[in-house]
PDB file of N, CA and C in Angstrom:
ATOM      1  N   MET A   1      34.207  73.498 -24.614  1.00  0.00           N
ATOM      2  CA  MET A   1      34.142  74.903 -24.287  1.00  0.00           C
ATOM      3  C   MET A   1      33.614  75.064 -22.866  1.00  0.00           C
ATOM      4  N   MET A   2      34.162  76.012 -22.178  1.00  0.00           N
ATOM      5  CA  MET A   2      33.805  76.258 -20.793  1.00  0.00           C
ATOM      6  C   MET A   2      32.551  77.133 -20.704  1.00  0.00           C
ATOM      7  N   ALA A   3      31.708  76.883 -19.737  1.00  0.00           N
ATOM      8  CA  ALA A   3      30.502  77.683 -19.554  1.00  0.00           C
ATOM      9  C   ALA A   3      30.857  79.029 -18.934  1.00  0.00           C
ATOM     10  N   LYS A   4      30.136  80.057 -19.350  1.00  0.00           N
ATOM     11  CA  LYS A   4      30.331  81.390 -18.789  1.00  0.00           C
ATOM     12  C   LYS A   4      29.792  81.424 -17.356  1.00  0.00           C
ATOM     13  N   LEU A   5      30.349  82.316 -16.559  1.00  0.00           N
ATOM     14  CA  LEU A   5      29.847  82.508 -15.202  1.00  0.00           C
ATOM     15  C   LEU A   5      28.485  83.188 -15.244  1.00  0.00           C
ATOM     16  N   THR A   6      27.709  82.965 -14.222  1.00  0.00           N
ATOM     17  CA  THR A   6      26.439  83.668 -14.031  1.00  0.00           C
ATOM     18  C   THR A   6      26.558  84.465 -12.738  1.00  0.00           C
ATOM     19  N   ALA A   7      25.623  85.365 -12.507  1.00  0.00           N
ATOM     20  CA  ALA A   7      25.647  86.158 -11.274  1.00  0.00           C
ATOM     21  C   ALA A   7      25.558  85.241 -10.050  1.00  0.00           C
ATOM     22  N   ILE A   8      24.762  84.193 -10.147  1.00  0.00           N
ATOM     23  CA  ILE A   8      24.632  83.240  -9.030  1.00  0.00           C
ATOM     24  C   ILE A   8      25.940  82.487  -8.830  1.00  0.00           C
ATOM     25  N   ALA A   9      26.590  82.105  -9.925  1.00  0.00           N
ATOM     26  CA  ALA A   9      27.872  81.395  -9.833  1.00  0.00           C
ATOM     27  C   ALA A   9      28.954  82.277  -9.226  1.00  0.00           C
ATOM     28  N   VAL A  10      28.899  83.572  -9.503  1.00  0.00           N
ATOM     29  CA  VAL A  10      29.878  84.511  -8.923  1.00  0.00           C
ATOM     30  C   VAL A  10      29.700  84.560  -7.409  1.00  0.00           C
ATOM     31  N   LYS A  11      28.467  84.652  -6.949  1.00  0.00           N
ATOM     32  CA  LYS A  11      28.204  84.677  -5.496  1.00  0.00           C
ATOM     33  C   LYS A  11      28.704  83.396  -4.834  1.00  0.00           C
ATOM     34  N   ALA A  12      28.480  82.266  -5.478  1.00  0.00           N
ATOM     35  CA  ALA A  12      28.928  80.984  -4.929  1.00  0.00           C
ATOM     36  C   ALA A  12      30.451  80.894  -4.944  1.00  0.00           C
ATOM     37  N   ALA A  13      31.081  81.429  -5.971  1.00  0.00           N
ATOM     38  CA  ALA A  13      32.538  81.362  -6.102  1.00  0.00           C
ATOM     39  C   ALA A  13      33.251  82.205  -5.048  1.00  0.00           C
ATOM     40  N   LEU A  14      32.602  83.235  -4.541  1.00  0.00           N
ATOM     41  CA  LEU A  14      33.240  84.098  -3.550  1.00  0.00           C
ATOM     42  C   LEU A  14      33.560  83.350  -2.255  1.00  0.00           C
ATOM     43  N   GLY A  15      32.972  82.211  -2.044  1.00  0.00           N
ATOM     44  CA  GLY A  15      33.295  81.412  -0.877  1.00  0.00           C
ATOM     45  C   GLY A  15      34.370  80.371  -1.140  1.00  0.00           C
ATOM     46  N   LYS A  16      34.832  80.286  -2.398  1.00  0.00           N
ATOM     47  CA  LYS A  16      35.797  79.252  -2.779  1.00  0.00           C
ATOM     48  C   LYS A  16      37.080  79.892  -3.300  1.00  0.00           C
ATOM     49  N   PRO A  17      38.149  79.897  -2.503  1.00  0.00           N
ATOM     50  CA  PRO A  17      39.407  80.500  -2.960  1.00  0.00           C
ATOM     51  C   PRO A  17      39.918  79.848  -4.247  1.00  0.00           C
ATOM     52  N   GLY A  18      40.473  80.683  -5.105  1.00  0.00           N
ATOM     53  CA  GLY A  18      41.029  80.209  -6.367  1.00  0.00           C
ATOM     54  C   GLY A  18      40.673  81.152  -7.493  1.00  0.00           C
ATOM     55  N   ARG A  19      40.925  80.685  -8.714  1.00  0.00           N
ATOM     56  CA  ARG A  19      40.620  81.484  -9.901  1.00  0.00           C
ATOM     57  C   ARG A  19      39.455  80.844 -10.633  1.00  0.00           C
ATOM     58  N   HIS A  20      38.462  81.656 -10.927  1.00  0.00           N
ATOM     59  CA  HIS A  20      37.259  81.183 -11.595  1.00  0.00           C
ATOM     60  C   HIS A  20      37.141  81.934 -12.923  1.00  0.00           C
ATOM     61  N   SER A  21      37.216  81.204 -14.033  1.00  0.00           N
ATOM     62  CA  SER A  21      37.269  81.809 -15.352  1.00  0.00           C
ATOM     63  C   SER A  21      35.894  81.988 -15.969  1.00  0.00           C
ATOM     64  N   ASP A  22      35.714  83.125 -16.642  1.00  0.00           N
ATOM     65  CA  ASP A  22      34.498  83.405 -17.390  1.00  0.00           C
ATOM     66  C   ASP A  22      34.738  83.217 -18.885  1.00  0.00           C
ATOM     67  N   GLY A  23      35.974  83.038 -19.289  1.00  0.00           N
ATOM     68  CA  GLY A  23      36.320  82.921 -20.701  1.00  0.00           C
ATOM     69  C   GLY A  23      36.874  84.233 -21.230  1.00  0.00           C
ATOM     70  N   ASP A  24      37.543  84.162 -22.360  1.00  0.00           N
ATOM     71  CA  ASP A  24      38.148  85.335 -23.002  1.00  0.00           C
ATOM     72  C   ASP A  24      39.102  86.084 -22.074  1.00  0.00           C
ATOM     73  N   GLY A  25      39.716  85.378 -21.138  1.00  0.00           N
ATOM     74  CA  GLY A  25      40.714  85.981 -20.258  1.00  0.00           C
ATOM     75  C   GLY A  25      40.164  86.627 -19.006  1.00  0.00           C
ATOM     76  N   LEU A  26      38.851  86.691 -18.842  1.00  0.00           N
ATOM     77  CA  LEU A  26      38.255  87.296 -17.646  1.00  0.00           C
ATOM     78  C   LEU A  26      38.268  86.285 -16.512  1.00  0.00           C
ATOM     79  N   ILE A  27      38.824  86.698 -15.366  1.00  0.00           N
ATOM     80  CA  ILE A  27      38.998  85.794 -14.228  1.00  0.00           C
ATOM     81  C   ILE A  27      38.493  86.468 -12.953  1.00  0.00           C
ATOM     82  N   LEU A  28      37.806  85.700 -12.134  1.00  0.00           N
ATOM     83  CA  LEU A  28      37.448  86.129 -10.782  1.00  0.00           C
ATOM     84  C   LEU A  28      38.436  85.444  -9.846  1.00  0.00           C
ATOM     85  N   ALA A  29      39.316  86.232  -9.252  1.00  0.00           N
ATOM     86  CA  ALA A  29      40.313  85.691  -8.331  1.00  0.00           C
ATOM     87  C   ALA A  29      39.802  85.867  -6.909  1.00  0.00           C
ATOM     88  N   VAL A  30      39.671  84.758  -6.183  1.00  0.00           N
ATOM     89  CA  VAL A  30      39.140  84.782  -4.816  1.00  0.00           C
ATOM     90  C   VAL A  30      40.243  84.374  -3.861  1.00  0.00           C
ATOM     91  N   GLY A  31      40.495  85.228  -2.857  1.00  0.00           N
ATOM     92  CA  GLY A  31      41.523  84.960  -1.864  1.00  0.00           C
ATOM     93  C   GLY A  31      41.013  84.064  -0.747  1.00  0.00           C
ATOM     94  N   ALA A  32      41.916  83.722   0.161  1.00  0.00           N
ATOM     95  CA  ALA A  32      41.591  82.825   1.271  1.00  0.00           C
ATOM     96  C   ALA A  32      40.495  83.388   2.167  1.00  0.00           C
ATOM     97  N   GLY A  33      40.398  84.709   2.257  1.00  0.00           N
ATOM     98  CA  GLY A  33      39.370  85.336   3.083  1.00  0.00           C
ATOM     99  C   GLY A  33      38.011  85.397   2.421  1.00  0.00           C
ATOM    100  N   GLY A  34      37.927  84.990   1.157  1.00  0.00           N
ATOM    101  CA  GLY A  34      36.662  84.998   0.449  1.00  0.00           C
ATOM    102  C   GLY A  34      36.411  86.249  -0.369  1.00  0.00           C
ATOM    103  N   ASN A  35      37.337  87.224  -0.301  1.00  0.00           N
ATOM    104  CA  ASN A  35      37.185  88.438  -1.098  1.00  0.00           C
ATOM    105  C   ASN A  35      37.626  88.176  -2.526  1.00  0.00           C
ATOM    106  N   GLY A  36      36.852  88.683  -3.482  1.00  0.00           N
ATOM    107  CA  GLY A  36      37.170  88.443  -4.880  1.00  0.00           C
ATOM    108  C   GLY A  36      37.514  89.716  -5.620  1.00  0.00           C
ATOM    109  N   SER A  37      38.286  89.570  -6.680  1.00  0.00           N
ATOM    110  CA  SER A  37      38.581  90.692  -7.553  1.00  0.00           C
ATOM    111  C   SER A  37      38.604  90.203  -8.993  1.00  0.00           C
ATOM    112  N   TRP A  38      38.200  91.093  -9.881  1.00  0.00           N
ATOM    113  CA  TRP A  38      38.168  90.781 -11.299  1.00  0.00           C
ATOM    114  C   TRP A  38      39.495  91.143 -11.932  1.00  0.00           C
ATOM    115  N   MET A  39      39.950  90.300 -12.854  1.00  0.00           N
ATOM    116  CA  MET A  39      41.130  90.625 -13.642  1.00  0.00           C
ATOM    117  C   MET A  39      40.959  90.039 -15.031  1.00  0.00           C
ATOM    118  N   VAL A  40      41.671  90.632 -15.968  1.00  0.00           N
ATOM    119  CA  VAL A  40      41.658  90.115 -17.334  1.00  0.00           C
ATOM    120  C   VAL A  40      43.108  89.846 -17.721  1.00  0.00           C
ATOM    121  N   ARG A  41      43.324  88.710 -18.340  1.00  0.00           N
ATOM    122  CA  ARG A  41      44.663  88.323 -18.794  1.00  0.00           C
ATOM    123  C   ARG A  41      44.755  88.637 -20.284  1.00  0.00           C
ATOM    124  N   VAL A  42      45.732  89.465 -20.638  1.00  0.00           N
ATOM    125  CA  VAL A  42      45.941  89.851 -22.034  1.00  0.00           C
ATOM    126  C   VAL A  42      47.379  89.558 -22.415  1.00  0.00           C
ATOM    127  N   GLN A  43      47.627  89.513 -23.723  1.00  0.00           N
ATOM    128  CA  GLN A  43      48.978  89.297 -24.215  1.00  0.00           C
ATOM    129  C   GLN A  43      49.281  90.368 -25.247  1.00  0.00           C
ATOM    130  N   LYS A  44      50.420  91.047 -25.080  1.00  0.00           N
ATOM    131  CA  LYS A  44      50.842  92.078 -26.012  1.00  0.00           C
ATOM    132  C   LYS A  44      52.330  91.935 -26.234  1.00  0.00           C
ATOM    133  N   ASP A  45      52.735  91.939 -27.472  1.00  0.00           N
ATOM    134  CA  ASP A  45      54.143  91.797 -27.831  1.00  0.00           C
ATOM    135  C   ASP A  45      54.757  90.550 -27.215  1.00  0.00           C
ATOM    136  N   GLY A  46      53.970  89.474 -27.132  1.00  0.00           N
ATOM    137  CA  GLY A  46      54.470  88.215 -26.599  1.00  0.00           C
ATOM    138  C   GLY A  46      54.582  88.162 -25.090  1.00  0.00           C
ATOM    139  N   LYS A  47      54.122  89.200 -24.401  1.00  0.00           N
ATOM    140  CA  LYS A  47      54.181  89.225 -22.931  1.00  0.00           C
ATOM    141  C   LYS A  47      52.774  89.172 -22.368  1.00  0.00           C
ATOM    142  N   ARG A  48      52.592  88.307 -21.385  1.00  0.00           N
ATOM    143  CA  ARG A  48      51.292  88.138 -20.754  1.00  0.00           C
ATOM    144  C   ARG A  48      51.179  89.089 -19.568  1.00  0.00           C
ATOM    145  N   ARG A  49      50.027  89.736 -19.442  1.00  0.00           N
ATOM    146  CA  ARG A  49      49.777  90.687 -18.363  1.00  0.00           C
ATOM    147  C   ARG A  49      48.407  90.420 -17.747  1.00  0.00           C
ATOM    148  N   ASP A  50      48.319  90.580 -16.442  1.00  0.00           N
ATOM    149  CA  ASP A  50      47.038  90.539 -15.746  1.00  0.00           C
ATOM    150  C   ASP A  50      46.674  91.969 -15.373  1.00  0.00           C
ATOM    151  N   ILE A  51      45.493  92.407 -15.794  1.00  0.00           N
ATOM    152  CA  ILE A  51      45.030  93.762 -15.519  1.00  0.00           C
ATOM    153  C   ILE A  51      43.869  93.681 -14.544  1.00  0.00           C
ATOM    154  N   GLY A  52      43.988  94.350 -13.401  1.00  0.00           N
ATOM    155  CA  GLY A  52      42.930  94.364 -12.402  1.00  0.00           C
ATOM    156  C   GLY A  52      41.766  95.232 -12.846  1.00  0.00           C
ATOM    157  N   LEU A  53      40.553  94.753 -12.620  1.00  0.00           N
ATOM    158  CA  LEU A  53      39.352  95.478 -13.025  1.00  0.00           C
ATOM    159  C   LEU A  53      38.519  95.944 -11.833  1.00  0.00           C
ATOM    160  N   GLY A  54      38.880  95.542 -10.637  1.00  0.00           N
ATOM    161  CA  GLY A  54      38.162  95.990  -9.451  1.00  0.00           C
ATOM    162  C   GLY A  54      37.671  94.840  -8.592  1.00  0.00           C
ATOM    163  N   ALA A  55      37.211  95.212  -7.413  1.00  0.00           N
ATOM    164  CA  ALA A  55      36.713  94.237  -6.443  1.00  0.00           C
ATOM    165  C   ALA A  55      35.352  93.706  -6.874  1.00  0.00           C
ATOM    166  N   ALA A  56      35.128  92.435  -6.640  1.00  0.00           N
ATOM    167  CA  ALA A  56      33.855  91.809  -7.014  1.00  0.00           C
ATOM    168  C   ALA A  56      32.688  92.417  -6.229  1.00  0.00           C
ATOM    169  N   SER A  57      32.962  92.993  -5.074  1.00  0.00           N
ATOM    170  CA  SER A  57      31.897  93.620  -4.288  1.00  0.00           C
ATOM    171  C   SER A  57      31.453  94.949  -4.903  1.00  0.00           C
ATOM    172  N   LYS A  58      32.293  95.548  -5.750  1.00  0.00           N
ATOM    173  CA  LYS A  58      31.988  96.846  -6.363  1.00  0.00           C
ATOM    174  C   LYS A  58      31.678  96.750  -7.851  1.00  0.00           C
ATOM    175  N   VAL A  59      32.236  95.722  -8.528  1.00  0.00           N
ATOM    176  CA  VAL A  59      32.105  95.583  -9.975  1.00  0.00           C
ATOM    177  C   VAL A  59      31.271  94.343 -10.278  1.00  0.00           C
ATOM    178  N   THR A  60      30.182  94.527 -11.005  1.00  0.00           N
ATOM    179  CA  THR A  60      29.324  93.395 -11.347  1.00  0.00           C
ATOM    180  C   THR A  60      29.957  92.574 -12.472  1.00  0.00           C
ATOM    181  N   LEU A  61      29.413  91.404 -12.703  1.00  0.00           N
ATOM    182  CA  LEU A  61      29.894  90.538 -13.768  1.00  0.00           C
ATOM    183  C   LEU A  61      29.778  91.232 -15.125  1.00  0.00           C
ATOM    184  N   SER A  62      28.652  91.869 -15.381  1.00  0.00           N
ATOM    185  CA  SER A  62      28.471  92.527 -16.679  1.00  0.00           C
ATOM    186  C   SER A  62      29.435  93.706 -16.834  1.00  0.00           C
ATOM    187  N   GLN A  63      29.678  94.462 -15.762  1.00  0.00           N
ATOM    188  CA  GLN A  63      30.648  95.554 -15.824  1.00  0.00           C
ATOM    189  C   GLN A  63      32.054  95.016 -16.069  1.00  0.00           C
ATOM    190  N   ALA A  64      32.386  93.894 -15.439  1.00  0.00           N
ATOM    191  CA  ALA A  64      33.701  93.286 -15.620  1.00  0.00           C
ATOM    192  C   ALA A  64      33.883  92.824 -17.064  1.00  0.00           C
ATOM    193  N   ARG A  65      32.835  92.268 -17.663  1.00  0.00           N
ATOM    194  CA  ARG A  65      32.919  91.839 -19.067  1.00  0.00           C
ATOM    195  C   ARG A  65      33.163  93.022 -19.992  1.00  0.00           C
ATOM    196  N   ILE A  66      32.489  94.140 -19.742  1.00  0.00           N
ATOM    197  CA  ILE A  66      32.668  95.333 -20.558  1.00  0.00           C
ATOM    198  C   ILE A  66      34.094  95.884 -20.401  1.00  0.00           C
ATOM    199  N   SER A  67      34.580  95.943 -19.156  1.00  0.00           N
ATOM    200  CA  SER A  67      35.937  96.433 -18.902  1.00  0.00           C
ATOM    201  C   SER A  67      36.978  95.523 -19.522  1.00  0.00           C
ATOM    202  N   ALA A  68      36.741  94.213 -19.463  1.00  0.00           N
ATOM    203  CA  ALA A  68      37.685  93.251 -20.049  1.00  0.00           C
ATOM    204  C   ALA A  68      37.755  93.418 -21.556  1.00  0.00           C
ATOM    205  N   ALA A  69      36.604  93.617 -22.201  1.00  0.00           N
ATOM    206  CA  ALA A  69      36.575  93.821 -23.639  1.00  0.00           C
ATOM    207  C   ALA A  69      37.334  95.085 -24.024  1.00  0.00           C
ATOM    208  N   ALA A  70      37.185  96.129 -23.220  1.00  0.00           N
ATOM    209  CA  ALA A  70      37.896  97.393 -23.488  1.00  0.00           C
ATOM    210  C   ALA A  70      39.404  97.190 -23.325  1.00  0.00           C
ATOM    211  N   ALA A  71      39.804  96.437 -22.327  1.00  0.00           N
ATOM    212  CA  ALA A  71      41.235  96.198 -22.084  1.00  0.00           C
ATOM    213  C   ALA A  71      41.850  95.364 -23.193  1.00  0.00           C
ATOM    214  N   ARG A  72      41.076  94.452 -23.760  1.00  0.00           N
ATOM    215  CA  ARG A  72      41.598  93.598 -24.834  1.00  0.00           C
ATOM    216  C   ARG A  72      41.751  94.347 -26.150  1.00  0.00           C
ATOM    217  N   SER A  73      40.958  95.418 -26.347  1.00  0.00           N
ATOM    218  CA  SER A  73      41.019  96.132 -27.634  1.00  0.00           C
ATOM    219  C   SER A  73      42.104  97.172 -27.689  1.00  0.00           C
TER     220      SER A  73
END
């Protein structure tokens, strides 16, 4: 099982381009410039969708988890 992200890990990840998973479909996507955005990956009717939850500079990890849970339900 993968470890959940922490607030410190999120700050460190913002300097590393790529996708950083928190589990349950919540992902911190970091671009080449170091800017991050939260997204949640869900599946409905056999189709996978990525739903944007906001910029990491505006949305905290705990807010992103709450938004992801709402999007999954």
